[in-house]
PDB file of N, CA and C in Angstrom:
ATOM      1  N   UNK A   1      73.236  20.935  64.306  1.00  0.00           N
ATOM      2  CA  UNK A   1      73.359  21.820  65.352  1.00  0.00           C
ATOM      3  C   UNK A   1      73.767  21.142  66.414  1.00  0.00           C
ATOM      4  N   UNK A   2      74.664  21.837  67.160  1.00  0.00           N
ATOM      5  CA  UNK A   2      75.276  21.348  68.539  1.00  0.00           C
ATOM      6  C   UNK A   2      74.171  21.231  69.645  1.00  0.00           C
ATOM      7  N   UNK A   3      74.283  20.298  70.429  1.00  0.00           N
ATOM      8  CA  UNK A   3      73.331  20.205  71.601  1.00  0.00           C
ATOM      9  C   UNK A   3      73.592  21.424  72.530  1.00  0.00           C
ATOM     10  N   UNK A   4      72.459  21.810  72.942  1.00  0.00           N
ATOM     11  CA  UNK A   4      72.478  23.185  73.689  1.00  0.00           C
ATOM     12  C   UNK A   4      71.475  23.030  74.931  1.00  0.00           C
ATOM     13  N   UNK A   5      71.654  24.065  75.793  1.00  0.00           N
ATOM     14  CA  UNK A   5      70.769  24.018  76.897  1.00  0.00           C
ATOM     15  C   UNK A   5      70.317  25.616  77.056  1.00  0.00           C
ATOM     16  N   UNK A   6      69.386  26.061  77.072  1.00  0.00           N
ATOM     17  CA  UNK A   6      68.997  27.476  77.201  1.00  0.00           C
ATOM     18  C   UNK A   6      68.684  27.955  78.759  1.00  0.00           C
ATOM     19  N   UNK A   7      69.515  28.810  79.085  1.00  0.00           N
ATOM     20  CA  UNK A   7      69.609  29.251  80.413  1.00  0.00           C
ATOM     21  C   UNK A   7      69.550  30.884  80.527  1.00  0.00           C
ATOM     22  N   UNK A   8      69.313  31.532  81.617  1.00  0.00           N
ATOM     23  CA  UNK A   8      69.439  32.869  81.765  1.00  0.00           C
ATOM     24  C   UNK A   8      70.740  33.542  82.369  1.00  0.00           C
ATOM     25  N   UNK A   9      71.275  34.569  82.145  1.00  0.00           N
ATOM     26  CA  UNK A   9      72.356  35.189  82.881  1.00  0.00           C
ATOM     27  C   UNK A   9      71.738  36.523  83.419  1.00  0.00           C
ATOM     28  N   UNK A  10      72.086  36.877  84.672  1.00  0.00           N
ATOM     29  CA  UNK A  10      71.701  38.106  85.247  1.00  0.00           C
ATOM     30  C   UNK A  10      72.946  38.701  85.993  1.00  0.00           C
ATOM     31  N   UNK A  11      72.770  40.060  86.046  1.00  0.00           N
ATOM     32  CA  UNK A  11      73.938  40.893  86.565  1.00  0.00           C
ATOM     33  C   UNK A  11      73.448  41.428  87.837  1.00  0.00           C
ATOM     34  N   UNK A  12      74.114  41.376  88.888  1.00  0.00           N
ATOM     35  CA  UNK A  12      73.767  42.102  90.219  1.00  0.00           C
ATOM     36  C   UNK A  12      73.808  43.394  90.193  1.00  0.00           C
ATOM     37  N   UNK A  13      72.676  44.106  90.395  1.00  0.00           N
ATOM     38  CA  UNK A  13      72.583  45.602  90.439  1.00  0.00           C
ATOM     39  C   UNK A  13      72.793  46.165  91.733  1.00  0.00           C
ATOM     40  N   UNK A  14      72.797  45.298  92.783  1.00  0.00           N
ATOM     41  CA  UNK A  14      73.053  45.799  94.175  1.00  0.00           C
ATOM     42  C   UNK A  14      74.060  44.838  94.694  1.00  0.00           C
ATOM     43  N   UNK A  15      74.644  45.204  95.724  1.00  0.00           N
ATOM     44  CA  UNK A  15      75.537  44.302  96.442  1.00  0.00           C
ATOM     45  C   UNK A  15      76.721  45.172  97.059  1.00  0.00           C
ATOM     46  N   UNK A  16      77.596  44.316  97.439  1.00  0.00           N
ATOM     47  CA  UNK A  16      78.802  45.003  98.055  1.00  0.00           C
ATOM     48  C   UNK A  16      79.926  45.005  97.137  1.00  0.00           C
ATOM     49  N   UNK A  17      80.808  46.153  97.267  1.00  0.00           N
ATOM     50  CA  UNK A  17      81.892  46.111  96.507  1.00  0.00           C
ATOM     51  C   UNK A  17      83.030  46.577  97.369  1.00  0.00           C
ATOM     52  N   UNK A  18      84.002  45.967  97.593  1.00  0.00           N
ATOM     53  CA  UNK A  18      84.084  44.424  97.308  1.00  0.00           C
ATOM     54  C   UNK A  18      83.483  43.626  98.343  1.00  0.00           C
ATOM     55  N   UNK A  19      83.077  42.304  97.853  1.00  0.00           N
ATOM     56  CA  UNK A  19      82.312  41.451  98.651  1.00  0.00           C
ATOM     57  C   UNK A  19      83.193  41.175 100.034  1.00  0.00           C
ATOM     58  N   UNK A  20      82.414  41.018 101.117  1.00  0.00           N
ATOM     59  CA  UNK A  20      83.221  40.855 102.253  1.00  0.00           C
ATOM     60  C   UNK A  20      83.478  39.487 102.674  1.00  0.00           C
ATOM     61  N   UNK A  21      82.389  38.650 102.480  1.00  0.00           N
ATOM     62  CA  UNK A  21      82.646  37.108 102.865  1.00  0.00           C
ATOM     63  C   UNK A  21      82.094  36.152 101.850  1.00  0.00           C
ATOM     64  N   UNK A  22      81.700  36.560 100.746  1.00  0.00           N
ATOM     65  CA  UNK A  22      81.225  35.711  99.779  1.00  0.00           C
ATOM     66  C   UNK A  22      79.748  35.258  99.978  1.00  0.00           C
ATOM     67  N   UNK A  23      79.132  35.739 101.064  1.00  0.00           N
ATOM     68  CA  UNK A  23      77.669  35.417 101.377  1.00  0.00           C
ATOM     69  C   UNK A  23      76.886  36.612 100.576  1.00  0.00           C
ATOM     70  N   UNK A  24      77.473  37.801 100.367  1.00  0.00           N
ATOM     71  CA  UNK A  24      76.748  38.998  99.791  1.00  0.00           C
ATOM     72  C   UNK A  24      76.963  38.938  98.311  1.00  0.00           C
ATOM     73  N   UNK A  25      75.941  39.462  97.569  1.00  0.00           N
ATOM     74  CA  UNK A  25      76.075  39.741  95.965  1.00  0.00           C
ATOM     75  C   UNK A  25      77.431  40.670  95.917  1.00  0.00           C
ATOM     76  N   UNK A  26      78.125  40.267  94.929  1.00  0.00           N
ATOM     77  CA  UNK A  26      79.241  41.368  94.429  1.00  0.00           C
ATOM     78  C   UNK A  26      78.623  42.034  93.311  1.00  0.00           C
ATOM     79  N   UNK A  27      78.380  43.413  93.461  1.00  0.00           N
ATOM     80  CA  UNK A  27      77.719  44.217  92.611  1.00  0.00           C
ATOM     81  C   UNK A  27      78.618  44.096  91.084  1.00  0.00           C
ATOM     82  N   UNK A  28      77.758  43.773  90.090  1.00  0.00           N
ATOM     83  CA  UNK A  28      78.309  43.649  88.873  1.00  0.00           C
ATOM     84  C   UNK A  28      78.586  42.041  88.538  1.00  0.00           C
ATOM     85  N   UNK A  29      78.479  41.161  89.397  1.00  0.00           N
ATOM     86  CA  UNK A  29      78.838  39.690  89.283  1.00  0.00           C
ATOM     87  C   UNK A  29      77.569  39.358  88.410  1.00  0.00           C
ATOM     88  N   UNK A  30      78.035  38.303  87.487  1.00  0.00           N
ATOM     89  CA  UNK A  30      77.010  37.744  86.472  1.00  0.00           C
ATOM     90  C   UNK A  30      76.790  36.341  86.916  1.00  0.00           C
ATOM     91  N   UNK A  31      75.488  35.986  86.916  1.00  0.00           N
ATOM     92  CA  UNK A  31      75.199  34.586  87.495  1.00  0.00           C
ATOM     93  C   UNK A  31      74.281  33.824  86.383  1.00  0.00           C
ATOM     94  N   UNK A  32      74.540  32.675  86.236  1.00  0.00           N
ATOM     95  CA  UNK A  32      73.871  31.807  85.269  1.00  0.00           C
ATOM     96  C   UNK A  32      72.717  30.887  86.163  1.00  0.00           C
ATOM     97  N   UNK A  33      71.590  30.876  85.645  1.00  0.00           N
ATOM     98  CA  UNK A  33      70.516  30.158  86.460  1.00  0.00           C
ATOM     99  C   UNK A  33      69.483  29.560  85.495  1.00  0.00           C
ATOM    100  N   UNK A  34      68.665  28.629  86.016  1.00  0.00           N
ATOM    101  CA  UNK A  34      67.881  27.894  85.092  1.00  0.00           C
ATOM    102  C   UNK A  34      66.354  28.321  85.255  1.00  0.00           C
ATOM    103  N   UNK A  35      66.093  29.451  85.780  1.00  0.00           N
ATOM    104  CA  UNK A  35      64.627  29.842  85.670  1.00  0.00           C
ATOM    105  C   UNK A  35      64.515  31.061  84.822  1.00  0.00           C
ATOM    106  N   UNK A  36      63.163  31.347  84.425  1.00  0.00           N
ATOM    107  CA  UNK A  36      62.933  32.556  83.350  1.00  0.00           C
ATOM    108  C   UNK A  36      62.526  33.852  83.935  1.00  0.00           C
ATOM    109  N   UNK A  37      63.195  34.224  85.117  1.00  0.00           N
ATOM    110  CA  UNK A  37      63.028  35.556  85.609  1.00  0.00           C
ATOM    111  C   UNK A  37      64.265  36.047  86.493  1.00  0.00           C
ATOM    112  N   UNK A  38      64.398  37.368  86.601  1.00  0.00           N
ATOM    113  CA  UNK A  38      65.595  37.773  87.395  1.00  0.00           C
ATOM    114  C   UNK A  38      65.263  37.895  88.706  1.00  0.00           C
ATOM    115  N   UNK A  39      66.146  37.560  89.711  1.00  0.00           N
ATOM    116  CA  UNK A  39      65.743  37.914  91.220  1.00  0.00           C
ATOM    117  C   UNK A  39      65.707  39.259  91.350  1.00  0.00           C
ATOM    118  N   UNK A  40      65.179  39.675  92.697  1.00  0.00           N
ATOM    119  CA  UNK A  40      65.087  41.087  92.976  1.00  0.00           C
ATOM    120  C   UNK A  40      66.562  41.543  93.272  1.00  0.00           C
ATOM    121  N   UNK A  41      66.820  42.701  92.667  1.00  0.00           N
ATOM    122  CA  UNK A  41      68.162  43.334  92.811  1.00  0.00           C
ATOM    123  C   UNK A  41      69.112  42.976  91.460  1.00  0.00           C
ATOM    124  N   UNK A  42      68.595  42.045  90.566  1.00  0.00           N
ATOM    125  CA  UNK A  42      69.350  41.539  89.453  1.00  0.00           C
ATOM    126  C   UNK A  42      68.779  42.144  88.216  1.00  0.00           C
ATOM    127  N   UNK A  43      69.430  42.092  87.065  1.00  0.00           N
ATOM    128  CA  UNK A  43      68.709  42.440  85.842  1.00  0.00           C
ATOM    129  C   UNK A  43      69.388  41.412  84.674  1.00  0.00           C
ATOM    130  N   UNK A  44      68.421  41.250  83.749  1.00  0.00           N
ATOM    131  CA  UNK A  44      68.937  40.127  82.766  1.00  0.00           C
ATOM    132  C   UNK A  44      70.172  40.843  81.924  1.00  0.00           C
ATOM    133  N   UNK A  45      70.961  40.098  81.663  1.00  0.00           N
ATOM    134  CA  UNK A  45      72.089  40.495  80.756  1.00  0.00           C
ATOM    135  C   UNK A  45      71.539  40.408  79.280  1.00  0.00           C
ATOM    136  N   UNK A  46      70.767  41.395  78.848  1.00  0.00           N
ATOM    137  CA  UNK A  46      70.191  41.588  77.595  1.00  0.00           C
ATOM    138  C   UNK A  46      70.461  42.847  76.819  1.00  0.00           C
ATOM    139  N   UNK A  47      71.529  43.386  77.371  1.00  0.00           N
ATOM    140  CA  UNK A  47      71.905  44.687  76.760  1.00  0.00           C
ATOM    141  C   UNK A  47      71.192  45.889  77.095  1.00  0.00           C
ATOM    142  N   UNK A  48      70.290  45.889  78.181  1.00  0.00           N
ATOM    143  CA  UNK A  48      69.332  46.869  78.461  1.00  0.00           C
ATOM    144  C   UNK A  48      70.235  48.232  78.771  1.00  0.00           C
ATOM    145  N   UNK A  49      69.566  49.331  78.472  1.00  0.00           N
ATOM    146  CA  UNK A  49      70.206  50.659  78.868  1.00  0.00           C
ATOM    147  C   UNK A  49      69.619  51.043  80.120  1.00  0.00           C
ATOM    148  N   UNK A  50      70.659  51.443  81.064  1.00  0.00           N
ATOM    149  CA  UNK A  50      70.259  51.871  82.580  1.00  0.00           C
ATOM    150  C   UNK A  50      70.676  53.311  82.691  1.00  0.00           C
ATOM    151  N   UNK A  51      70.045  53.981  83.628  1.00  0.00           N
ATOM    152  CA  UNK A  51      70.343  55.314  84.072  1.00  0.00           C
ATOM    153  C   UNK A  51      71.664  55.302  84.789  1.00  0.00           C
ATOM    154  N   UNK A  52      72.450  56.183  84.601  1.00  0.00           N
ATOM    155  CA  UNK A  52      73.755  56.322  85.569  1.00  0.00           C
ATOM    156  C   UNK A  52      73.322  56.677  86.829  1.00  0.00           C
ATOM    157  N   UNK A  53      72.432  57.879  86.889  1.00  0.00           N
ATOM    158  CA  UNK A  53      72.121  58.374  88.253  1.00  0.00           C
ATOM    159  C   UNK A  53      71.295  57.469  89.041  1.00  0.00           C
ATOM    160  N   UNK A  54      70.824  56.463  88.532  1.00  0.00           N
ATOM    161  CA  UNK A  54      70.130  55.341  89.449  1.00  0.00           C
ATOM    162  C   UNK A  54      70.977  54.307  89.720  1.00  0.00           C
ATOM    163  N   UNK A  55      72.069  54.098  89.032  1.00  0.00           N
ATOM    164  CA  UNK A  55      72.932  52.957  89.306  1.00  0.00           C
ATOM    165  C   UNK A  55      74.422  53.280  89.239  1.00  0.00           C
ATOM    166  N   UNK A  56      74.801  54.290  90.063  1.00  0.00           N
ATOM    167  CA  UNK A  56      76.146  54.955  89.967  1.00  0.00           C
ATOM    168  C   UNK A  56      77.246  53.945  90.344  1.00  0.00           C
ATOM    169  N   UNK A  57      76.966  52.964  91.299  1.00  0.00           N
ATOM    170  CA  UNK A  57      77.972  52.146  91.706  1.00  0.00           C
ATOM    171  C   UNK A  57      78.339  51.039  90.647  1.00  0.00           C
ATOM    172  N   UNK A  58      77.253  50.575  89.930  1.00  0.00           N
ATOM    173  CA  UNK A  58      77.475  49.604  88.846  1.00  0.00           C
ATOM    174  C   UNK A  58      78.008  50.382  87.665  1.00  0.00           C
ATOM    175  N   UNK A  59      77.633  51.590  87.316  1.00  0.00           N
ATOM    176  CA  UNK A  59      78.222  52.219  86.233  1.00  0.00           C
ATOM    177  C   UNK A  59      79.828  52.497  86.533  1.00  0.00           C
ATOM    178  N   UNK A  60      80.257  52.838  87.786  1.00  0.00           N
ATOM    179  CA  UNK A  60      81.638  52.924  88.111  1.00  0.00           C
ATOM    180  C   UNK A  60      82.473  51.831  87.860  1.00  0.00           C
ATOM    181  N   UNK A  61      81.812  50.673  87.719  1.00  0.00           N
ATOM    182  CA  UNK A  61      82.520  49.350  87.462  1.00  0.00           C
ATOM    183  C   UNK A  61      82.545  49.091  85.942  1.00  0.00           C
ATOM    184  N   UNK A  62      81.273  49.214  85.270  1.00  0.00           N
ATOM    185  CA  UNK A  62      81.177  48.768  83.867  1.00  0.00           C
ATOM    186  C   UNK A  62      81.665  49.945  83.017  1.00  0.00           C
ATOM    187  N   UNK A  63      81.183  51.234  83.310  1.00  0.00           N
ATOM    188  CA  UNK A  63      81.492  52.328  82.366  1.00  0.00           C
ATOM    189  C   UNK A  63      80.590  52.092  81.123  1.00  0.00           C
ATOM    190  N   UNK A  64      81.177  52.374  80.073  1.00  0.00           N
ATOM    191  CA  UNK A  64      80.364  52.281  78.900  1.00  0.00           C
ATOM    192  C   UNK A  64      80.813  51.150  77.926  1.00  0.00           C
ATOM    193  N   UNK A  65      81.567  50.209  78.553  1.00  0.00           N
ATOM    194  CA  UNK A  65      82.234  49.103  77.735  1.00  0.00           C
ATOM    195  C   UNK A  65      81.131  48.157  77.132  1.00  0.00           C
ATOM    196  N   UNK A  66      79.755  48.382  77.409  1.00  0.00           N
ATOM    197  CA  UNK A  66      78.840  47.499  76.750  1.00  0.00           C
ATOM    198  C   UNK A  66      77.791  48.346  76.092  1.00  0.00           C
ATOM    199  N   UNK A  67      78.143  49.781  76.099  1.00  0.00           N
ATOM    200  CA  UNK A  67      77.227  50.654  75.520  1.00  0.00           C
ATOM    201  C   UNK A  67      76.654  51.748  76.331  1.00  0.00           C
ATOM    202  N   UNK A  68      75.864  52.698  75.879  1.00  0.00           N
ATOM    203  CA  UNK A  68      75.409  53.668  76.496  1.00  0.00           C
ATOM    204  C   UNK A  68      76.087  55.175  76.193  1.00  0.00           C
ATOM    205  N   UNK A  69      75.539  56.279  76.567  1.00  0.00           N
ATOM    206  CA  UNK A  69      76.246  57.513  76.131  1.00  0.00           C
ATOM    207  C   UNK A  69      77.350  57.876  77.092  1.00  0.00           C
ATOM    208  N   UNK A  70      77.399  57.316  78.254  1.00  0.00           N
ATOM    209  CA  UNK A  70      78.470  57.741  79.329  1.00  0.00           C
ATOM    210  C   UNK A  70      78.054  58.920  80.081  1.00  0.00           C
ATOM    211  N   UNK A  71      77.137  59.760  79.579  1.00  0.00           N
ATOM    212  CA  UNK A  71      76.723  60.932  80.322  1.00  0.00           C
ATOM    213  C   UNK A  71      75.521  60.726  81.355  1.00  0.00           C
ATOM    214  N   UNK A  72      74.455  59.999  80.557  1.00  0.00           N
ATOM    215  CA  UNK A  72      73.271  59.799  81.457  1.00  0.00           C
ATOM    216  C   UNK A  72      72.807  58.226  81.521  1.00  0.00           C
ATOM    217  N   UNK A  73      73.403  57.569  80.449  1.00  0.00           N
ATOM    218  CA  UNK A  73      73.083  56.147  80.435  1.00  0.00           C
ATOM    219  C   UNK A  73      74.390  55.251  80.143  1.00  0.00           C
ATOM    220  N   UNK A  74      74.163  53.996  80.594  1.00  0.00           N
ATOM    221  CA  UNK A  74      75.168  52.810  80.243  1.00  0.00           C
ATOM    222  C   UNK A  74      74.400  51.569  80.110  1.00  0.00           C
ATOM    223  N   UNK A  75      74.997  50.666  79.375  1.00  0.00           N
ATOM    224  CA  UNK A  75      74.347  49.344  79.035  1.00  0.00           C
ATOM    225  C   UNK A  75      74.987  48.147  79.805  1.00  0.00           C
ATOM    226  N   UNK A  76      74.137  47.292  79.970  1.00  0.00           N
ATOM    227  CA  UNK A  76      74.385  46.030  80.564  1.00  0.00           C
ATOM    228  C   UNK A  76      75.005  45.088  79.531  1.00  0.00           C
ATOM    229  N   UNK A  77      75.848  44.054  79.901  1.00  0.00           N
ATOM    230  CA  UNK A  77      76.305  42.946  78.757  1.00  0.00           C
ATOM    231  C   UNK A  77      75.143  42.418  78.156  1.00  0.00           C
ATOM    232  N   UNK A  78      75.189  42.200  76.924  1.00  0.00           N
ATOM    233  CA  UNK A  78      74.067  41.396  76.195  1.00  0.00           C
ATOM    234  C   UNK A  78      74.636  39.981  75.967  1.00  0.00           C
ATOM    235  N   UNK A  79      74.071  38.948  76.718  1.00  0.00           N
ATOM    236  CA  UNK A  79      74.613  37.571  76.506  1.00  0.00           C
ATOM    237  C   UNK A  79      73.499  36.846  75.833  1.00  0.00           C
ATOM    238  N   UNK A  80      72.540  37.435  75.326  1.00  0.00           N
ATOM    239  CA  UNK A  80      71.567  36.573  74.480  1.00  0.00           C
ATOM    240  C   UNK A  80      72.216  35.977  73.168  1.00  0.00           C
ATOM    241  N   UNK A  81      72.193  34.654  73.229  1.00  0.00           N
ATOM    242  CA  UNK A  81      72.703  33.945  72.065  1.00  0.00           C
ATOM    243  C   UNK A  81      74.200  33.947  72.159  1.00  0.00           C
ATOM    244  N   UNK A  82      74.944  34.085  73.148  1.00  0.00           N
ATOM    245  CA  UNK A  82      76.300  34.316  73.337  1.00  0.00           C
ATOM    246  C   UNK A  82      76.800  33.320  74.410  1.00  0.00           C
ATOM    247  N   UNK A  83      78.066  32.919  74.334  1.00  0.00           N
ATOM    248  CA  UNK A  83      78.868  32.163  75.394  1.00  0.00           C
ATOM    249  C   UNK A  83      79.894  33.118  75.837  1.00  0.00           C
ATOM    250  N   UNK A  84      79.808  33.415  77.284  1.00  0.00           N
ATOM    251  CA  UNK A  84      80.937  34.217  77.614  1.00  0.00           C
ATOM    252  C   UNK A  84      82.126  33.626  77.774  1.00  0.00           C
ATOM    253  N   UNK A  85      83.327  34.245  77.331  1.00  0.00           N
ATOM    254  CA  UNK A  85      84.640  33.856  77.632  1.00  0.00           C
ATOM    255  C   UNK A  85      85.503  34.824  78.397  1.00  0.00           C
ATOM    256  N   UNK A  86      86.572  34.293  78.928  1.00  0.00           N
ATOM    257  CA  UNK A  86      87.439  35.090  79.746  1.00  0.00           C
ATOM    258  C   UNK A  86      88.224  36.029  78.826  1.00  0.00           C
ATOM    259  N   UNK A  87      88.513  37.327  79.368  1.00  0.00           N
ATOM    260  CA  UNK A  87      89.344  38.379  78.548  1.00  0.00           C
ATOM    261  C   UNK A  87      90.871  38.035  78.758  1.00  0.00           C
ATOM    262  N   UNK A  88      91.566  38.671  77.830  1.00  0.00           N
ATOM    263  CA  UNK A  88      93.025  38.565  78.034  1.00  0.00           C
ATOM    264  C   UNK A  88      93.446  37.538  76.888  1.00  0.00           C
ATOM    265  N   UNK A  89      94.579  37.130  77.163  1.00  0.00           N
ATOM    266  CA  UNK A  89      95.409  36.114  76.167  1.00  0.00           C
ATOM    267  C   UNK A  89      96.088  35.079  76.992  1.00  0.00           C
ATOM    268  N   UNK A  90      95.817  33.845  76.559  1.00  0.00           N
ATOM    269  CA  UNK A  90      96.558  32.547  77.061  1.00  0.00           C
ATOM    270  C   UNK A  90      97.447  32.078  75.977  1.00  0.00           C
ATOM    271  N   UNK A  91      98.290  31.206  76.448  1.00  0.00           N
ATOM    272  CA  UNK A  91      99.294  30.610  75.601  1.00  0.00           C
ATOM    273  C   UNK A  91      98.488  29.843  74.307  1.00  0.00           C
ATOM    274  N   UNK A  92      98.854  30.381  73.099  1.00  0.00           N
ATOM    275  CA  UNK A  92      98.250  29.838  71.868  1.00  0.00           C
ATOM    276  C   UNK A  92      96.703  30.337  71.693  1.00  0.00           C
ATOM    277  N   UNK A  93      96.419  31.344  72.333  1.00  0.00           N
ATOM    278  CA  UNK A  93      95.063  31.818  72.091  1.00  0.00           C
ATOM    279  C   UNK A  93      95.099  33.190  71.663  1.00  0.00           C
ATOM    280  N   UNK A  94      93.892  33.697  70.914  1.00  0.00           N
ATOM    281  CA  UNK A  94      93.735  35.079  70.558  1.00  0.00           C
ATOM    282  C   UNK A  94      93.607  36.054  71.587  1.00  0.00           C
ATOM    283  N   UNK A  95      94.171  37.225  71.641  1.00  0.00           N
ATOM    284  CA  UNK A  95      93.705  38.184  72.600  1.00  0.00           C
ATOM    285  C   UNK A  95      92.285  38.596  72.602  1.00  0.00           C
ATOM    286  N   UNK A  96      91.634  38.712  73.724  1.00  0.00           N
ATOM    287  CA  UNK A  96      90.261  39.057  73.821  1.00  0.00           C
ATOM    288  C   UNK A  96      90.129  40.404  74.777  1.00  0.00           C
ATOM    289  N   UNK A  97      89.432  41.444  74.331  1.00  0.00           N
ATOM    290  CA  UNK A  97      89.392  42.580  75.065  1.00  0.00           C
ATOM    291  C   UNK A  97      87.925  42.507  75.778  1.00  0.00           C
ATOM    292  N   UNK A  98      87.964  42.747  77.004  1.00  0.00           N
ATOM    293  CA  UNK A  98      86.669  42.839  77.800  1.00  0.00           C
ATOM    294  C   UNK A  98      85.653  43.699  77.199  1.00  0.00           C
ATOM    295  N   UNK A  99      84.484  43.276  76.963  1.00  0.00           N
ATOM    296  CA  UNK A  99      83.439  44.166  76.307  1.00  0.00           C
ATOM    297  C   UNK A  99      83.176  43.811  74.890  1.00  0.00           C
ATOM    298  N   UNK A 100      84.218  43.193  74.199  1.00  0.00           N
ATOM    299  CA  UNK A 100      84.005  42.969  72.767  1.00  0.00           C
ATOM    300  C   UNK A 100      83.245  41.736  72.560  1.00  0.00           C
ATOM    301  N   UNK A 101      82.515  41.662  71.441  1.00  0.00           N
ATOM    302  CA  UNK A 101      81.731  40.577  71.133  1.00  0.00           C
ATOM    303  C   UNK A 101      82.146  40.120  69.747  1.00  0.00           C
ATOM    304  N   UNK A 102      81.904  38.728  69.343  1.00  0.00           N
ATOM    305  CA  UNK A 102      82.397  38.199  68.197  1.00  0.00           C
ATOM    306  C   UNK A 102      81.747  36.948  67.671  1.00  0.00           C
ATOM    307  N   UNK A 103      82.014  36.477  66.663  1.00  0.00           N
ATOM    308  CA  UNK A 103      81.381  35.258  66.265  1.00  0.00           C
ATOM    309  C   UNK A 103      80.138  35.412  65.405  1.00  0.00           C
ATOM    310  N   UNK A 104      79.500  34.384  64.952  1.00  0.00           N
ATOM    311  CA  UNK A 104      78.162  34.331  64.381  1.00  0.00           C
ATOM    312  C   UNK A 104      77.500  33.135  64.741  1.00  0.00           C
ATOM    313  N   UNK A 105      76.201  33.196  64.633  1.00  0.00           N
ATOM    314  CA  UNK A 105      75.344  32.078  64.957  1.00  0.00           C
ATOM    315  C   UNK A 105      75.363  30.909  64.071  1.00  0.00           C
ATOM    316  N   UNK A 106      75.578  31.193  62.933  1.00  0.00           N
ATOM    317  CA  UNK A 106      75.652  30.098  61.804  1.00  0.00           C
ATOM    318  C   UNK A 106      76.779  30.224  61.113  1.00  0.00           C
ATOM    319  N   UNK A 107      77.340  29.043  60.608  1.00  0.00           N
ATOM    320  CA  UNK A 107      78.531  28.967  59.709  1.00  0.00           C
ATOM    321  C   UNK A 107      78.320  28.030  58.650  1.00  0.00           C
ATOM    322  N   UNK A 108      78.614  28.192  57.418  1.00  0.00           N
ATOM    323  CA  UNK A 108      78.494  27.168  56.481  1.00  0.00           C
ATOM    324  C   UNK A 108      79.976  26.837  56.051  1.00  0.00           C
ATOM    325  N   UNK A 109      80.209  25.445  56.337  1.00  0.00           N
ATOM    326  CA  UNK A 109      81.294  24.889  55.982  1.00  0.00           C
ATOM    327  C   UNK A 109      81.451  24.355  54.606  1.00  0.00           C
ATOM    328  N   UNK A 110      82.552  24.709  53.882  1.00  0.00           N
ATOM    329  CA  UNK A 110      82.729  24.205  52.485  1.00  0.00           C
ATOM    330  C   UNK A 110      83.626  23.025  52.471  1.00  0.00           C
ATOM    331  N   UNK A 111      83.571  22.252  51.428  1.00  0.00           N
ATOM    332  CA  UNK A 111      84.274  21.049  51.353  1.00  0.00           C
ATOM    333  C   UNK A 111      85.819  21.278  51.442  1.00  0.00           C
ATOM    334  N   UNK A 112      86.319  22.440  51.031  1.00  0.00           N
ATOM    335  CA  UNK A 112      87.653  22.867  51.208  1.00  0.00           C
ATOM    336  C   UNK A 112      88.128  22.955  52.653  1.00  0.00           C
ATOM    337  N   UNK A 113      87.206  23.162  53.666  1.00  0.00           N
ATOM    338  CA  UNK A 113      87.481  23.232  55.008  1.00  0.00           C
ATOM    339  C   UNK A 113      87.500  21.883  55.738  1.00  0.00           C
ATOM    340  N   UNK A 114      87.177  20.888  55.085  1.00  0.00           N
ATOM    341  CA  UNK A 114      87.014  19.647  55.785  1.00  0.00           C
ATOM    342  C   UNK A 114      88.367  18.946  55.734  1.00  0.00           C
ATOM    343  N   UNK A 115      88.748  18.367  56.904  1.00  0.00           N
ATOM    344  CA  UNK A 115      90.075  17.600  56.761  1.00  0.00           C
ATOM    345  C   UNK A 115      89.902  16.249  55.946  1.00  0.00           C
ATOM    346  N   UNK A 116      91.084  15.818  55.448  1.00  0.00           N
ATOM    347  CA  UNK A 116      91.216  14.527  54.729  1.00  0.00           C
ATOM    348  C   UNK A 116      90.646  13.527  55.760  1.00  0.00           C
ATOM    349  N   UNK A 117      89.841  12.666  55.163  1.00  0.00           N
ATOM    350  CA  UNK A 117      89.491  11.616  55.963  1.00  0.00           C
ATOM    351  C   UNK A 117      88.897  10.361  55.100  1.00  0.00           C
ATOM    352  N   UNK A 118      88.735   9.224  55.611  1.00  0.00           N
ATOM    353  CA  UNK A 118      88.212   8.270  54.867  1.00  0.00           C
ATOM    354  C   UNK A 118      87.280   7.326  55.586  1.00  0.00           C
ATOM    355  N   UNK A 119      86.385   6.533  55.055  1.00  0.00           N
ATOM    356  CA  UNK A 119      85.415   5.678  55.631  1.00  0.00           C
ATOM    357  C   UNK A 119      85.698   4.154  55.205  1.00  0.00           C
ATOM    358  N   UNK A 120      85.516   3.263  56.229  1.00  0.00           N
ATOM    359  CA  UNK A 120      85.649   1.904  55.895  1.00  0.00           C
ATOM    360  C   UNK A 120      84.243   1.278  55.812  1.00  0.00           C
ATOM    361  N   UNK A 121      84.040   0.497  54.806  1.00  0.00           N
ATOM    362  CA  UNK A 121      82.750  -0.331  54.517  1.00  0.00           C
ATOM    363  C   UNK A 121      83.044  -1.669  54.848  1.00  0.00           C
ATOM    364  N   UNK A 122      82.278  -2.297  55.646  1.00  0.00           N
ATOM    365  CA  UNK A 122      82.287  -3.663  55.902  1.00  0.00           C
ATOM    366  C   UNK A 122      81.152  -4.434  55.203  1.00  0.00           C
ATOM    367  N   UNK A 123      81.391  -5.351  54.483  1.00  0.00           N
ATOM    368  CA  UNK A 123      80.276  -6.267  53.793  1.00  0.00           C
ATOM    369  C   UNK A 123      80.329  -7.500  54.629  1.00  0.00           C
ATOM    370  N   UNK A 124      78.844  -7.913  54.932  1.00  0.00           N
ATOM    371  CA  UNK A 124      78.949  -9.264  55.553  1.00  0.00           C
ATOM    372  C   UNK A 124      78.090 -10.172  54.701  1.00  0.00           C
TER     373      UNK A 124
END
C-alpha cells in the first residue's frame, strides 16, 4: 500500500461569485483541511444531495454534473477515497471531463505487467 494521509475536502456553500479580493470564499471552491468537521457555510465533499431552492447560486455553478435530478436537487462532488485531478487534456495525457470519476481502490498486478529487471546478490 502506498503511503497516505487522510484529510477532508469541503465545498463553499456561501461566498462571493466572483470573489472580489481573495479574502472572501468563492462559492463552489473546494478546500482541503486537516480537521474532522466542515466550517460554517461549507459542506463535506461526500456526494450529498442538496435542495436547489435552498442553494440556487451553487446550483447555477455545479448543475447536475455530480448528480441530482436537476429539478429539485443536485449533488456535491464525492471525493471520499478519491484524488482530485484537473479536467481537460494536456500533452500526452488522456482527456478528462469535469465531473467524471474513474479508477479503482485496488489493483492486482500480474507477472506479465512487471517490467524486465534483475537483482544483484553480493556474497561476502
